[in-house]
Amino acid sequence: TYIGTLLVSVNPYKELDIYTLTQMQLYRGVNFFELPPHLYAIADNAYRVMCSEYNNHFILISGESGAGKTEASKKILQYYAVTCPTTEQLQIVRDRLLLSNPVLEAFGNAKTLRNDNSSRFGKYMDIQFDFKGAPVGGHILSYLIEKSRVVHQNHGERNFHIFYQLLEGGDKDLLCWLGLERNPQKYAYLIQ
């Protein structure tokens, strides 16, 4: 639902068919309250106001663990990737921003009781647009990483994904060079 220009959403913990290309086109350039509340309406409104006022704008995504903040930010990035003006060079920048997210998730996400892929850090994403409204760059700043997870996890939770991925997918020479064994059960930090 909307509360003014705020969107309140709930994570349904299942895939819904509301983030499609058709939905993106439906919300593109439409007056804010003309269609039902949607992340794409928030993204489109911020973009259009930025372009018309030549001013910086932001979208603040807040909520408790498992609320869907990371998914919401990914959907907004995907919306901009599809709806903003583009060139071949801009497509490369967009792809790098979108494709960097799985790598960041591997190093900063872990399984918790509420979410198998929970971000254990805060994230500030900055997308820069040129005077035509085309994205030309951006950066992602991670902060407040939950370092305590490395040495202790609550019952039913896991360490950061990257360690398990390295043990499972790293080749034998790499594991040997790092002094690691493939079996995660051999690590006191993982079996507490």
Protein backbone atom coordinates (compact mmCIF):
# COMPACT_ATOMS: atom_id res chain seq x y z
CA THR A 1 0.00 0.00 0.00
CA TYR A 2 1.05 3.62 -0.37
CA ILE A 3 1.40 6.10 2.46
CA GLY A 4 1.99 9.33 0.55
CA THR A 5 5.04 8.65 -1.62
CA LEU A 6 6.10 5.78 0.63
CA LEU A 7 5.53 2.17 -0.30
CA VAL A 8 4.89 -0.42 2.39
CA SER A 9 5.42 -3.95 1.14
CA VAL A 10 5.53 -7.40 2.69
CA ASN A 11 7.84 -10.27 1.72
CA PRO A 12 5.55 -13.19 0.73
CA TYR A 13 8.48 -15.68 0.91
CA LYS A 14 7.51 -17.02 -2.49
CA GLU A 15 7.86 -15.94 -6.11
CA LEU A 16 5.01 -13.75 -7.35
CA ASP A 17 4.47 -12.87 -11.00
CA ILE A 18 4.56 -9.11 -10.38
CA TYR A 19 8.10 -8.26 -11.54
CA THR A 20 7.83 -8.97 -15.26
CA LEU A 21 8.78 -6.96 -18.34
CA THR A 22 5.07 -6.33 -18.89
CA GLN A 23 4.80 -4.82 -15.39
CA MET A 24 7.84 -2.63 -16.07
CA GLN A 25 6.24 -1.23 -19.23
CA LEU A 26 2.92 -0.76 -17.44
CA TYR A 27 4.45 1.47 -14.72
CA ARG A 28 6.83 3.37 -16.98
CA GLY A 29 5.92 7.07 -17.22
CA VAL A 30 2.55 6.67 -15.46
CA ASN A 31 1.34 9.14 -12.83
CA PHE A 32 2.29 7.93 -9.37
CA PHE A 33 -1.16 7.06 -7.95
CA GLU A 34 -2.70 5.99 -11.27
CA LEU A 35 -1.89 2.28 -10.80
CA PRO A 36 -1.81 0.03 -7.71
CA PRO A 37 1.22 0.38 -5.39
CA HIS A 38 4.39 -1.21 -6.77
CA LEU A 39 8.18 -0.97 -6.47
CA TYR A 40 8.28 0.01 -10.13
CA ALA A 41 6.05 3.03 -9.42
CA ILE A 42 8.48 4.19 -6.72
CA ALA A 43 11.47 3.67 -9.05
CA ASP A 44 9.78 5.41 -11.98
CA ASN A 45 8.63 8.36 -9.87
CA ALA A 46 12.12 8.94 -8.41
CA TYR A 47 13.66 8.71 -11.88
CA ARG A 48 11.19 11.08 -13.54
CA VAL A 49 11.44 13.69 -10.75
CA MET A 50 15.25 13.48 -10.90
CA CYS A 51 15.19 14.08 -14.67
CA SER A 52 12.69 16.95 -14.52
CA GLU A 53 14.22 18.75 -11.52
CA TYR A 54 17.89 17.96 -12.32
CA ASN A 55 18.30 17.05 -8.67
CA ASN A 56 19.66 14.05 -6.77
CA HIS A 57 17.03 11.65 -5.47
CA PHE A 58 17.14 8.52 -3.36
CA ILE A 59 15.07 5.49 -2.54
CA LEU A 60 15.39 4.32 1.05
CA ILE A 61 14.64 0.64 1.60
CA SER A 62 14.23 -0.30 5.24
CA GLY A 63 12.95 -3.28 7.19
CA GLU A 64 13.88 -6.07 9.54
CA SER A 65 15.91 -9.13 8.60
CA GLY A 66 14.12 -11.19 5.97
CA ALA A 67 11.79 -8.35 4.95
CA GLY A 68 13.02 -8.42 1.34
CA LYS A 69 15.24 -5.32 1.22
CA THR A 70 17.89 -6.90 -0.99
CA GLU A 71 15.28 -8.30 -3.38
CA ALA A 72 13.58 -4.89 -3.58
CA SER A 73 16.89 -3.21 -4.47
CA LYS A 74 17.56 -5.82 -7.16
CA LYS A 75 14.10 -5.26 -8.67
CA ILE A 76 14.66 -1.50 -8.78
CA LEU A 77 18.06 -1.97 -10.48
CA GLN A 78 16.47 -4.32 -13.02
CA TYR A 79 13.74 -1.75 -13.67
CA TYR A 80 16.32 0.95 -14.44
CA ALA A 81 18.33 -1.46 -16.57
CA VAL A 82 15.29 -2.09 -18.78
CA THR A 83 13.59 1.32 -18.85
CA CYS A 84 16.42 3.89 -18.96
CA PRO A 85 18.02 5.09 -22.21
CA THR A 86 20.93 2.88 -23.23
CA THR A 87 24.00 2.54 -25.39
CA GLU A 88 26.35 -0.43 -25.73
CA GLN A 89 28.77 1.14 -23.21
CA LEU A 90 25.94 1.82 -20.76
CA GLN A 91 24.76 -1.78 -21.07
CA ILE A 92 28.23 -2.89 -19.94
CA VAL A 93 28.00 -0.62 -16.87
CA ARG A 94 24.50 -1.90 -16.04
CA ASP A 95 25.53 -5.53 -16.45
CA ARG A 96 28.51 -5.04 -14.13
CA LEU A 97 26.31 -3.48 -11.46
CA LEU A 98 23.65 -6.22 -11.72
CA LEU A 99 26.12 -9.11 -12.07
CA SER A 100 28.26 -7.99 -9.13
CA ASN A 101 25.41 -8.69 -6.71
CA PRO A 102 25.80 -12.53 -6.60
CA VAL A 103 29.51 -12.11 -5.80
CA LEU A 104 28.71 -9.64 -3.01
CA GLU A 105 26.04 -12.03 -1.71
CA ALA A 106 28.52 -14.93 -1.59
CA PHE A 107 30.87 -12.92 0.62
CA GLY A 108 28.24 -11.17 2.74
CA ASN A 109 25.20 -13.44 2.94
CA ALA A 110 24.52 -16.39 5.20
CA LYS A 111 21.70 -18.74 6.14
CA THR A 112 19.66 -17.54 9.12
CA LEU A 113 16.55 -18.99 10.73
CA ARG A 114 14.34 -16.65 8.68
CA ASN A 115 16.14 -16.59 5.35
CA ASP A 116 18.50 -18.96 3.49
CA ASN A 117 20.19 -16.01 1.78
CA SER A 118 20.18 -13.22 4.36
CA SER A 119 22.45 -10.20 3.88
CA ARG A 120 24.68 -9.82 6.92
CA PHE A 121 25.75 -6.30 6.00
CA GLY A 122 24.31 -2.93 5.09
CA LYS A 123 24.48 -1.67 1.54
CA TYR A 124 24.54 1.77 -0.04
CA MET A 125 24.09 1.73 -3.81
CA ASP A 126 24.74 4.85 -5.83
CA ILE A 127 23.75 5.06 -9.49
CA GLN A 128 24.98 8.07 -11.47
CA PHE A 129 22.96 9.32 -14.44
CA ASP A 130 24.01 11.71 -17.20
CA PHE A 131 22.03 14.79 -18.27
CA LYS A 132 19.93 12.63 -20.63
CA GLY A 133 18.84 10.34 -17.79
CA ALA A 134 21.05 7.43 -18.83
CA PRO A 135 22.93 5.57 -16.09
CA VAL A 136 26.67 6.10 -16.59
CA GLY A 137 28.15 4.59 -13.45
CA GLY A 138 27.62 3.57 -9.91
CA HIS A 139 29.14 1.97 -6.89
CA ILE A 140 28.05 -0.21 -4.02
CA LEU A 141 29.35 0.45 -0.53
CA SER A 142 28.97 -2.34 2.03
CA TYR A 143 29.22 -1.59 5.73
CA LEU A 144 28.62 -3.07 9.17
CA ILE A 145 29.40 -6.63 8.13
CA GLU A 146 28.42 -9.09 10.85
CA LYS A 147 31.94 -10.30 11.66
CA SER A 148 30.82 -12.33 14.69
CA ARG A 149 29.18 -14.83 12.30
CA VAL A 150 32.66 -16.04 11.27
CA VAL A 151 33.33 -17.48 14.74
CA HIS A 152 29.81 -18.24 15.99
CA GLN A 153 26.43 -19.04 14.47
CA ASN A 154 23.16 -19.61 16.26
CA HIS A 155 21.65 -23.11 16.08
CA GLY A 156 20.27 -23.74 12.59
CA GLU A 157 22.25 -20.91 11.00
CA ARG A 158 25.38 -20.98 8.84
CA ASN A 159 28.54 -19.01 8.20
CA PHE A 160 28.93 -16.82 5.10
CA HIS A 161 28.12 -18.63 1.83
CA ILE A 162 31.58 -18.09 0.33
CA PHE A 163 33.31 -20.55 2.66
CA TYR A 164 30.93 -23.39 1.77
CA GLN A 165 31.14 -22.48 -1.93
CA LEU A 166 34.93 -22.52 -1.81
CA LEU A 167 35.01 -25.93 -0.13
CA GLU A 168 32.47 -27.36 -2.60
CA GLY A 169 33.71 -25.79 -5.82
CA GLY A 170 37.37 -24.97 -5.32
CA ASP A 171 39.72 -27.24 -7.24
CA LYS A 172 42.05 -29.56 -5.33
CA ASP A 173 45.18 -27.45 -5.94
CA LEU A 174 43.50 -24.27 -4.69
CA LEU A 175 42.25 -25.97 -1.51
CA CYS A 176 45.71 -27.43 -0.91
CA TRP A 177 47.36 -24.02 -1.45
CA LEU A 178 44.90 -22.45 1.04
CA GLY A 179 45.42 -25.28 3.54
CA LEU A 180 41.73 -26.28 3.39
CA GLU A 181 39.97 -29.62 3.32
CA ARG A 182 36.81 -30.17 1.29
CA ASN A 183 34.70 -31.57 4.16
CA PRO A 184 33.00 -28.69 6.05
CA GLN A 185 32.45 -30.96 9.07
CA LYS A 186 36.18 -30.69 9.84
CA TYR A 187 35.94 -27.00 10.82
CA ALA A 188 35.05 -26.13 14.40
CA TYR A 189 33.68 -22.76 13.27
CA LEU A 190 31.13 -24.49 11.03
CA ILE A 191 29.86 -27.28 13.30
CA GLN A 192 29.14 -25.45 16.54
